[in-house]
Amino acid sequence: MRLIRLRIYRVLDITKKDTLMRIKRLTAWQPVCEGAPQDWRNTLGQILVEVELSTGTIGLGVGGGGNAGIHVIESVLSECLLHNAYDHPTEAHAAMVAHTSFYGRKGIVPMAISGVDLAIWDAFAKEQNLSVFALLSDEEPPEFLPMYQTVFDDHEASAAVEDGKQAVKLHVERYGDKPDPAEIKSLVRATRDKLGTGKSIMLDAFGRWNVETTLEIARDIAEFDIDWIEEPVGPEALEDYTFLNANSPIPIAGGEHEYLKEGFEDLAARRAVSVFQPDINWCGGLTTLIDIYKIAAEHGIRVVPHRGSEPYSLPAIAALDPAPLAESARSWFTAIRGIAKPTRDGAKLNDGPGFGVSVARST
C-alpha cells in the first residue's frame, strides 16, 4: 500500500503571520451546459467557485448544490472565510466544516464546501507555482493514468471496446427497478466477449435494485469476472450495503453520494463497501478525498473516485492511489477548460500550476 504523504506540510513552514493565506473574495455561479441531464444533476448541479487571495491569485473550483449551494457560499462560508488567514487549505476546510456542523454534515453544504476547497487548493498551488500533484507527491507524475469508460447503451459499449478502453462500466439503470436477470447476464456476456479477458467490467445500478435482485444478478454474472457492482441500493440503506458486501460474490461499490470523512469512516466501520467512489466535487473537496484515501488504506478498501478523469481528482489518484483507475469525464460538462481528452493510453494529468483549469469562454 502506497504511503500517503503530503508535500504541503514540508513546502510550507510558516511562522510569520504575513505569509499566511488570506481570502479576500469568494464568488460562485451556476454555468449553463447544453446537454446537461434534465434532473437534479442540473437543477442542483455543478457550480463554479472562484477564490481570490489577498495577493491577487485566483483559484477555480467546481462544487455542487446549484443555487442552494451558491447561497451557502455567499452566506455562511463567506462569513467563515473572508479576511481570515490560513496556513494551508486543510485548515480552511476544517474551519468550514466546523462552522456548518449544526446543519451541514451531508448534502448541499458539503457540495458547496467542495467547490470552495478545490478553489483554495488551486490558488494555494498557484502561489507556489506548483501543480496540485506536486503538493501531494515528490515523485514524477505518470504520463497517463488507466481509465475506464462508463457507457449507457450497447452502442456506447461497443464504441468503448473498439476505442481500446482498458475497462468498461455498464450503466444498467435503464433496466429499471426489477430487471430481468437474464437480460443483464446477456449484456455482460456480450461485453465480455467483445473485451476479451484481462480487461475489467463493472456494473452501475444507480441505486435502483434491492438486496434480492442484487444477489440474484451477482450470482448469475460472477463467472464473467466483474470488478464491482456499484450503488445497487440507495445510499441511505447502509444495513443492506453491509449485508450485500458480506454475501455478494462480486465486490460492492458505493460512496458517490456520501459526504465528509465522517461519512466514509462510517462506511468503513460497517464494512459496507469494498470500493469507495467519492465525488470530489460533492464529498468535501480534495481535503476530504485525501482523508478518504487514509481511511481506505487503514481498512483495505479500494478507492475509485467518481468521474476521476476530470482534472480535480486526477492529482490525488496519481499521487495517492496504489492501483489508480480514473472514470471517464462527463461529455456535457463544458464549463471549464482543462478536462483531458481520453486516449487509448488513458487520462493525462494537467501539468500547469494548480489544477491546470480555467473558465470556458462560453461560461
Protein backbone atom coordinates (compact mmCIF):
# COMPACT_ATOMS: atom_id res chain seq x y z
CA MET A 1 0.00 0.00 0.00
CA ARG A 2 1.42 3.34 -1.05
CA LEU A 3 2.11 5.67 1.84
CA ILE A 4 0.05 8.85 1.73
CA ARG A 5 2.45 11.74 2.03
CA LEU A 6 1.52 15.38 1.71
CA ARG A 7 4.35 17.57 0.49
CA ILE A 8 2.29 20.54 1.53
CA TYR A 9 3.45 20.23 5.12
CA ARG A 10 7.09 20.38 4.03
CA VAL A 11 6.64 23.07 1.39
CA LEU A 12 5.24 25.50 3.91
CA ASP A 13 6.99 26.02 7.20
CA ILE A 14 5.18 29.22 8.07
CA THR A 15 5.99 31.19 11.17
CA LYS A 16 5.33 34.75 10.07
CA LYS A 17 1.76 35.95 10.06
CA ASP A 18 2.18 37.96 6.86
CA THR A 19 2.92 34.78 4.90
CA LEU A 20 -0.45 33.21 5.74
CA MET A 21 -3.04 32.70 3.02
CA ARG A 22 -5.79 35.32 3.22
CA ILE A 23 -9.01 35.05 1.24
CA LYS A 24 -10.45 38.40 0.16
CA ARG A 25 -13.10 37.33 -2.39
CA LEU A 26 -15.36 34.32 -2.78
CA THR A 27 -17.66 34.09 -5.83
CA ALA A 28 -19.92 31.30 -7.10
CA TRP A 29 -22.22 30.87 -10.07
CA GLN A 30 -24.02 28.13 -11.95
CA PRO A 31 -22.93 27.66 -15.56
CA VAL A 32 -25.27 26.61 -18.33
CA CYS A 33 -24.12 23.47 -20.14
CA GLU A 34 -26.01 22.23 -23.17
CA GLY A 35 -26.80 18.56 -22.90
CA ALA A 36 -26.80 18.50 -19.10
CA PRO A 37 -29.09 15.82 -17.60
CA GLN A 38 -32.57 17.22 -17.03
CA ASP A 39 -32.80 16.17 -13.41
CA TRP A 40 -31.30 17.13 -10.04
CA ARG A 41 -27.81 16.97 -11.56
CA ASN A 42 -28.83 20.09 -13.49
CA THR A 43 -31.11 21.96 -11.07
CA LEU A 44 -28.82 21.16 -8.14
CA GLY A 45 -25.86 20.64 -10.40
CA GLN A 46 -22.35 21.83 -10.76
CA ILE A 47 -21.38 25.32 -9.67
CA LEU A 48 -18.16 27.19 -10.35
CA VAL A 49 -16.34 28.83 -7.46
CA GLU A 50 -13.61 31.46 -7.55
CA VAL A 51 -11.42 32.32 -4.60
CA GLU A 52 -9.18 35.38 -4.72
CA LEU A 53 -6.32 35.67 -2.23
CA SER A 54 -5.01 38.94 -0.88
CA THR A 55 -2.07 38.58 -3.27
CA GLY A 56 -4.42 38.64 -6.25
CA THR A 57 -4.02 34.93 -7.03
CA ILE A 58 -7.30 33.38 -8.18
CA GLY A 59 -8.27 29.75 -7.73
CA LEU A 60 -11.09 27.95 -9.54
CA GLY A 61 -13.13 25.09 -8.13
CA VAL A 62 -16.20 23.07 -9.06
CA GLY A 63 -18.77 22.20 -6.42
CA GLY A 64 -22.43 21.28 -6.34
CA GLY A 65 -25.77 22.34 -4.97
CA GLY A 66 -26.99 24.72 -7.67
CA ASN A 67 -28.49 27.96 -6.39
CA ALA A 68 -28.80 26.49 -2.91
CA GLY A 69 -25.04 25.77 -2.87
CA ILE A 70 -24.34 29.30 -4.09
CA HIS A 71 -26.41 30.68 -1.22
CA VAL A 72 -24.41 28.58 1.26
CA ILE A 73 -21.18 30.01 -0.16
CA GLU A 74 -22.37 33.61 -0.25
CA SER A 75 -23.70 33.46 3.30
CA VAL A 76 -22.18 31.10 5.86
CA LEU A 77 -18.97 30.11 4.06
CA SER A 78 -18.13 33.71 3.21
CA GLU A 79 -18.62 34.84 6.79
CA CYS A 80 -16.37 31.98 7.88
CA LEU A 81 -13.52 32.51 5.42
CA LEU A 82 -13.29 36.10 4.24
CA HIS A 83 -10.32 38.04 5.58
CA ASN A 84 -9.23 35.19 7.83
CA ALA A 85 -5.73 33.72 7.47
CA TYR A 86 -4.80 30.07 6.98
CA ASP A 87 -1.60 28.08 6.78
CA HIS A 88 -2.93 25.73 4.12
CA PRO A 89 -6.19 24.52 2.52
CA THR A 90 -6.81 21.79 5.09
CA GLU A 91 -7.06 24.44 7.80
CA ALA A 92 -9.62 26.44 5.82
CA HIS A 93 -11.57 23.22 5.18
CA ALA A 94 -11.65 22.41 8.90
CA ALA A 95 -12.97 25.92 9.58
CA MET A 96 -15.80 25.49 7.04
CA VAL A 97 -16.81 22.08 8.38
CA ALA A 98 -16.82 23.31 11.97
CA HIS A 99 -18.74 26.46 11.05
CA THR A 100 -21.53 24.45 9.38
CA SER A 101 -21.59 21.39 11.65
CA PHE A 102 -25.09 22.01 13.06
CA TYR A 103 -26.75 21.73 9.66
CA GLY A 104 -24.21 20.75 7.04
CA ARG A 105 -22.83 17.24 7.51
CA LYS A 106 -24.42 15.81 4.36
CA GLY A 107 -25.90 17.05 1.11
CA ILE A 108 -25.90 20.64 -0.14
CA VAL A 109 -23.43 22.12 2.35
CA PRO A 110 -20.56 19.65 1.72
CA MET A 111 -21.24 20.00 -2.02
CA ALA A 112 -20.72 23.75 -1.68
CA ILE A 113 -17.67 23.27 0.56
CA SER A 114 -16.20 21.02 -2.15
CA GLY A 115 -16.10 23.86 -4.68
CA VAL A 116 -14.54 26.29 -2.21
CA ASP A 117 -11.98 23.76 -1.03
CA LEU A 118 -10.91 22.99 -4.59
CA ALA A 119 -10.63 26.69 -5.44
CA ILE A 120 -8.45 27.23 -2.36
CA TRP A 121 -6.16 24.32 -3.29
CA ASP A 122 -5.92 25.71 -6.83
CA ALA A 123 -4.92 29.16 -5.58
CA PHE A 124 -2.57 27.73 -2.95
CA ALA A 125 -0.67 25.69 -5.54
CA LYS A 126 -0.54 28.64 -7.95
CA GLU A 127 1.00 30.80 -5.22
CA GLN A 128 3.96 28.40 -5.20
CA ASN A 129 3.94 27.87 -8.98
CA LEU A 130 3.31 24.18 -8.41
CA SER A 131 0.77 21.70 -9.68
CA VAL A 132 -1.55 20.15 -7.12
CA PHE A 133 0.11 16.82 -7.87
CA ALA A 134 3.46 18.31 -6.81
CA LEU A 135 1.92 19.28 -3.46
CA LEU A 136 0.89 15.68 -2.88
CA SER A 137 3.91 13.75 -4.13
CA ASP A 138 7.68 14.00 -4.50
CA GLU A 139 7.60 11.57 -7.42
CA GLU A 140 7.45 12.33 -11.12
CA PRO A 141 3.87 12.34 -12.35
CA PRO A 142 2.80 9.43 -14.54
CA GLU A 143 2.36 10.26 -18.20
CA PHE A 144 -1.08 8.63 -18.27
CA LEU A 145 -3.45 7.08 -15.75
CA PRO A 146 -5.51 3.99 -16.56
CA MET A 147 -9.16 4.84 -17.08
CA TYR A 148 -12.49 3.17 -17.68
CA GLN A 149 -15.42 4.28 -19.80
CA THR A 150 -18.91 4.47 -18.35
CA VAL A 151 -21.46 3.55 -21.03
CA PHE A 152 -25.22 3.88 -21.10
CA ASP A 153 -26.22 1.66 -24.02
CA ASP A 154 -24.96 -1.14 -26.25
CA HIS A 155 -23.68 1.27 -28.91
CA GLU A 156 -21.53 3.14 -26.38
CA ALA A 157 -20.22 -0.16 -25.02
CA SER A 158 -19.17 -1.30 -28.49
CA ALA A 159 -17.55 2.06 -29.21
CA ALA A 160 -15.58 1.93 -25.95
CA VAL A 161 -14.28 -1.53 -26.77
CA GLU A 162 -13.34 -0.53 -30.32
CA ASP A 163 -11.56 2.55 -28.94
CA GLY A 164 -9.32 0.34 -26.84
CA LYS A 165 -10.56 1.31 -23.37
CA GLN A 166 -8.92 -0.65 -20.55
CA ALA A 167 -12.25 -1.20 -18.79
CA VAL A 168 -15.97 -0.59 -19.26
CA LYS A 169 -18.69 0.17 -16.72
CA LEU A 170 -22.19 -0.76 -17.79
CA HIS A 171 -24.80 1.70 -16.51
CA VAL A 172 -27.86 -0.52 -16.18
CA GLU A 173 -30.38 1.94 -14.74
CA ARG A 174 -32.33 1.65 -18.00
CA TYR A 175 -33.43 -1.86 -16.99
CA GLY A 176 -35.47 -0.42 -14.12
CA ASP A 177 -36.14 -1.40 -10.51
CA LYS A 178 -36.92 -5.04 -11.28
CA PRO A 179 -34.62 -6.01 -14.13
CA ASP A 180 -34.74 -9.38 -15.80
CA PRO A 181 -31.53 -11.08 -14.61
CA ALA A 182 -31.31 -12.91 -17.93
CA GLU A 183 -31.11 -9.56 -19.79
CA ILE A 184 -28.36 -8.30 -17.52
CA LYS A 185 -26.46 -11.55 -17.96
CA SER A 186 -26.80 -11.35 -21.73
CA LEU A 187 -25.44 -7.78 -21.71
CA VAL A 188 -22.49 -8.74 -19.52
CA ARG A 189 -21.70 -11.83 -21.58
CA ALA A 190 -21.73 -9.80 -24.82
CA THR A 191 -19.46 -7.17 -23.28
CA ARG A 192 -17.01 -9.78 -22.01
CA ASP A 193 -16.95 -11.43 -25.43
CA LYS A 194 -16.05 -8.08 -27.03
CA LEU A 195 -13.50 -7.07 -24.39
CA GLY A 196 -11.85 -10.43 -24.00
CA THR A 197 -10.08 -11.48 -20.81
CA GLY A 198 -7.78 -9.24 -18.80
CA LYS A 199 -9.96 -6.14 -19.03
CA SER A 200 -12.38 -5.01 -16.35
CA ILE A 201 -16.18 -4.87 -16.42
CA MET A 202 -18.25 -3.12 -13.75
CA LEU A 203 -21.99 -2.52 -13.30
CA ASP A 204 -23.78 0.59 -12.02
CA ALA A 205 -27.36 0.05 -10.84
CA PHE A 206 -27.83 3.71 -9.80
CA GLY A 207 -29.48 2.67 -6.54
CA ARG A 208 -32.45 1.06 -8.33
CA TRP A 209 -32.23 -2.55 -7.07
CA ASN A 210 -32.95 -4.28 -3.77
CA VAL A 211 -30.97 -6.92 -1.88
CA GLU A 212 -32.65 -9.90 -3.51
CA THR A 213 -32.24 -8.59 -7.05
CA THR A 214 -28.60 -7.69 -6.44
CA LEU A 215 -27.69 -11.12 -5.09
CA GLU A 216 -29.53 -12.93 -7.89
CA ILE A 217 -27.79 -10.90 -10.59
CA ALA A 218 -24.41 -11.08 -8.85
CA ARG A 219 -24.58 -14.87 -8.74
CA ASP A 220 -25.65 -15.02 -12.38
CA ILE A 221 -22.79 -12.86 -13.69
CA ALA A 222 -19.96 -13.76 -11.30
CA GLU A 223 -18.50 -16.13 -13.91
CA PHE A 224 -17.65 -13.12 -16.10
CA ASP A 225 -15.09 -11.70 -13.65
CA ILE A 226 -16.86 -8.47 -12.66
CA ASP A 227 -14.84 -5.92 -10.68
CA TRP A 228 -17.77 -4.45 -8.76
CA ILE A 229 -21.49 -3.70 -8.64
CA GLU A 230 -21.93 0.00 -7.95
CA GLU A 231 -24.73 1.50 -5.87
CA PRO A 232 -27.06 -1.49 -6.06
CA VAL A 233 -29.37 0.12 -3.47
CA GLY A 234 -30.00 3.66 -2.27
CA PRO A 235 -27.21 5.43 -0.36
CA GLU A 236 -29.22 5.51 2.87
CA ALA A 237 -29.60 1.70 3.02
CA LEU A 238 -26.40 1.09 4.95
CA GLU A 239 -27.51 -2.18 6.54
CA ASP A 240 -28.33 -3.52 3.06
CA TYR A 241 -24.88 -2.47 1.84
CA THR A 242 -23.23 -4.29 4.72
CA PHE A 243 -25.25 -7.43 4.05
CA LEU A 244 -24.53 -7.33 0.32
CA ASN A 245 -20.84 -6.67 0.80
CA ALA A 246 -20.61 -9.73 3.04
CA ASN A 247 -22.68 -12.03 0.82
CA SER A 248 -22.26 -10.97 -2.79
CA PRO A 249 -19.76 -12.93 -4.91
CA ILE A 250 -18.93 -9.59 -6.58
CA PRO A 251 -17.48 -6.64 -4.60
CA ILE A 252 -19.90 -3.85 -3.76
CA ALA A 253 -19.02 -0.21 -4.52
CA GLY A 254 -20.55 3.00 -3.18
CA GLY A 255 -19.91 6.40 -1.70
CA GLU A 256 -20.69 8.62 -4.68
CA HIS A 257 -23.39 10.19 -2.53
CA GLU A 258 -21.53 10.16 0.79
CA TYR A 259 -20.00 13.21 2.43
CA LEU A 260 -17.01 14.31 4.50
CA LYS A 261 -14.56 11.98 6.19
CA GLU A 262 -17.08 11.02 8.89
CA GLY A 263 -19.40 9.54 6.27
CA PHE A 264 -16.62 7.36 4.86
CA GLU A 265 -15.43 6.39 8.32
CA ASP A 266 -18.95 5.08 8.93
CA LEU A 267 -18.94 3.10 5.67
CA ALA A 268 -15.57 1.59 6.60
CA ALA A 269 -16.64 0.73 10.15
CA ARG A 270 -19.76 -1.01 8.84
CA ARG A 271 -17.76 -2.83 6.13
CA ALA A 272 -20.49 -1.58 3.84
CA VAL A 273 -18.45 -1.47 0.63
CA SER A 274 -15.27 -2.87 -0.85
CA VAL A 275 -14.77 0.12 -3.17
CA PHE A 276 -15.09 3.80 -2.20
CA GLN A 277 -16.34 6.03 -5.03
CA PRO A 278 -16.24 9.60 -3.69
CA ASP A 279 -17.08 12.50 -5.95
CA ILE A 280 -14.52 15.24 -5.29
CA ASN A 281 -17.00 17.95 -6.36
CA TRP A 282 -19.58 16.78 -3.80
CA CYS A 283 -17.93 14.89 -0.92
CA GLY A 284 -15.99 17.81 0.56
CA GLY A 285 -13.27 18.52 -2.00
CA LEU A 286 -9.64 17.45 -2.20
CA THR A 287 -9.15 17.73 1.56
CA THR A 288 -11.88 15.15 2.11
CA LEU A 289 -10.58 12.94 -0.72
CA ILE A 290 -7.17 12.83 0.98
CA ASP A 291 -8.89 11.79 4.21
CA ILE A 292 -10.78 9.10 2.29
CA TYR A 293 -7.54 7.64 0.95
CA LYS A 294 -6.22 7.45 4.50
CA ILE A 295 -9.38 5.70 5.73
CA ALA A 296 -9.25 3.30 2.79
CA ALA A 297 -5.60 2.42 3.46
CA GLU A 298 -6.40 1.62 7.09
CA HIS A 299 -9.34 -0.65 6.18
CA GLY A 300 -8.15 -2.30 2.98
CA ILE A 301 -10.73 -0.58 0.78
CA ARG A 302 -10.11 0.38 -2.84
CA VAL A 303 -10.72 4.00 -3.95
CA VAL A 304 -12.00 4.76 -7.45
CA PRO A 305 -13.34 8.34 -7.48
CA HIS A 306 -16.49 9.17 -9.40
CA ARG A 307 -15.64 10.99 -12.66
CA GLY A 308 -11.99 10.54 -11.76
CA SER A 309 -10.54 11.56 -15.12
CA GLU A 310 -11.75 15.12 -14.65
CA PRO A 311 -8.91 17.43 -13.56
CA TYR A 312 -9.78 17.77 -9.87
CA SER A 313 -9.49 14.09 -8.91
CA LEU A 314 -6.57 13.15 -11.16
CA PRO A 315 -3.77 14.62 -8.98
CA ALA A 316 -4.90 12.61 -5.92
CA ILE A 317 -5.40 9.43 -7.95
CA ALA A 318 -1.91 9.82 -9.41
CA ALA A 319 -0.22 10.70 -6.12
CA LEU A 320 -2.05 8.58 -3.55
CA ASP A 321 -3.60 5.56 -5.21
CA PRO A 322 -1.71 2.23 -5.24
CA ALA A 323 -3.93 0.94 -8.07
CA PRO A 324 -5.01 4.07 -9.96
CA LEU A 325 -8.11 3.95 -12.13
CA ALA A 326 -9.97 7.01 -13.40
CA GLU A 327 -13.59 7.06 -14.57
CA SER A 328 -14.42 8.85 -17.82
CA ALA A 329 -15.45 12.51 -17.66
CA ARG A 330 -18.89 13.91 -18.41
CA SER A 331 -19.19 14.81 -22.08
CA TRP A 332 -21.72 17.56 -21.37
CA PHE A 333 -19.76 19.47 -18.72
CA THR A 334 -18.16 22.21 -20.83
CA ALA A 335 -17.90 24.97 -18.23
CA ILE A 336 -14.16 24.67 -17.68
CA ARG A 337 -11.07 24.20 -19.79
CA GLY A 338 -8.55 21.58 -18.77
CA ILE A 339 -10.58 18.38 -18.98
CA ALA A 340 -8.23 15.97 -20.71
CA LYS A 341 -9.44 14.06 -23.73
CA PRO A 342 -9.11 10.32 -23.09
CA THR A 343 -6.75 8.32 -25.26
CA ARG A 344 -6.01 4.65 -25.67
CA ASP A 345 -3.24 5.17 -23.12
CA GLY A 346 -5.59 6.64 -20.51
CA ALA A 347 -6.13 10.04 -18.90
CA LYS A 348 -3.39 12.66 -18.84
CA LEU A 349 -2.63 14.94 -15.90
CA ASN A 350 -2.57 18.70 -16.43
CA ASP A 351 0.96 19.99 -15.87
CA GLY A 352 0.28 23.68 -15.21
CA PRO A 353 0.11 25.41 -11.82
CA GLY A 354 -2.80 24.42 -9.61
CA PHE A 355 -5.26 22.05 -11.25
CA GLY A 356 -4.49 23.50 -14.68
CA VAL A 357 -8.07 24.64 -15.26
CA SER A 358 -9.76 27.86 -16.35
CA VAL A 359 -13.28 29.08 -17.04
CA ALA A 360 -14.50 28.30 -20.56
CA ARG A 361 -15.35 31.38 -22.64
CA SER A 362 -18.89 30.18 -23.26
CA THR A 363 -19.44 30.21 -19.50
